[in-house]
Each structure stands twice: as C-alpha cells, then as structure tokens.
C-alpha cells in the first residue's frame, strides 16, 4: 500500500525528504517491473503504473524537478516522459552519477537536495551520494541494504508514487493536494 502516514516514518527520512528539490529515477525495475518485452520485429514494450505517473505530475506541480536517468535507450521511455511533462530525460547513460551531478549543478542544487530511486548496481553511485536514496523491495539485495529508505510497493507497481507522496507530505503539501481533489 502506498505511503500514508508521515508520522510513521523515522525522523531522519522525513528530514531528508523535506529538502528534496530534484527527484531522479531509474526506469527498468523502478518505473517498470523490470521485465523487457519485445515483439517479433524487435519492438520493445514496457508497462508503467498510472499511480506512478500521477505521482510524478503531482511532484512536478509541487515544484520538485523530476528526472529520468537510465542506461538503456527506449522510444517508449521518451514517449512516457513526454506524456508526463518530464523534461529531464537522460537515456543511454553509462555514468549515471555524472549525469545526476550535472543536472543538480545546472539547477544550482547540492546532492543533499536530490533524491534518487534505483534498483541495481549501476544505480549505486547515485544512491550513495543522494540526499535521499530509495529502492523498491524488488531491488537487488546489495542495493536494498545501502539505501536510506525502501518502498513497500514494487517497481512498476506504485513504488515511484510512494516516494512522490513522501516528498510532498514531508514538505507540507499533502493537505493542498487533498484539498484540490476533494469535492467541496
């Protein structure tokens, strides 16, 4: 179930989330369940969860920049990012940490103001340097044991939304989001 109660989280996690101005995400295993599908013509398909997409839009509307940093390149990812209004889309990145540092630098942010969600060893550089590092429960064990926080929901099944909700709530924005969607 998605994150609901800010008070249930340890104070250091709430404090880290309150500082976030840039939220960066890996794709495969984080925004998707990690499976890759190919048709007979070699066309790739991925499944994205609608809750994650809404969470990313909500986070962006809250004033947090959203970035995608992935080692693979996929037209599906570009299309999904465009649909969600994510401008910071960095595919084919072999040096994810260098990419994350460049984005943060361009935005005038320190890495303490950055969250990163990843699930495998190529994400470790970003995870070890980010102010708030997160992994879904389906992440590789070596990654799970090195992050600040783990979501309850798996990658591609709402993990991204949990982090989005956490950041918005830790920054005092939950009441405004709920008011926007609650009928008068």
Foldseek 3Di string as FASTA:
>chain_A
DADDDLVVDDPLQLVLLQLAQEEEEEPQFAQFVNDWDADPVRAIDTAGDVLLLVLVLVLVVLRHQYAYAYLADHPNVVVSCVVSVHPHYHYNDQQRLVSVVVVCVVVVHAQSNYEYEDAEDSCVNSQQRHNFYEYEPNGDPVRHVRGPYYTPDTHRGCRSNNSSVSSCVSNPNPVVVVVVVDDD
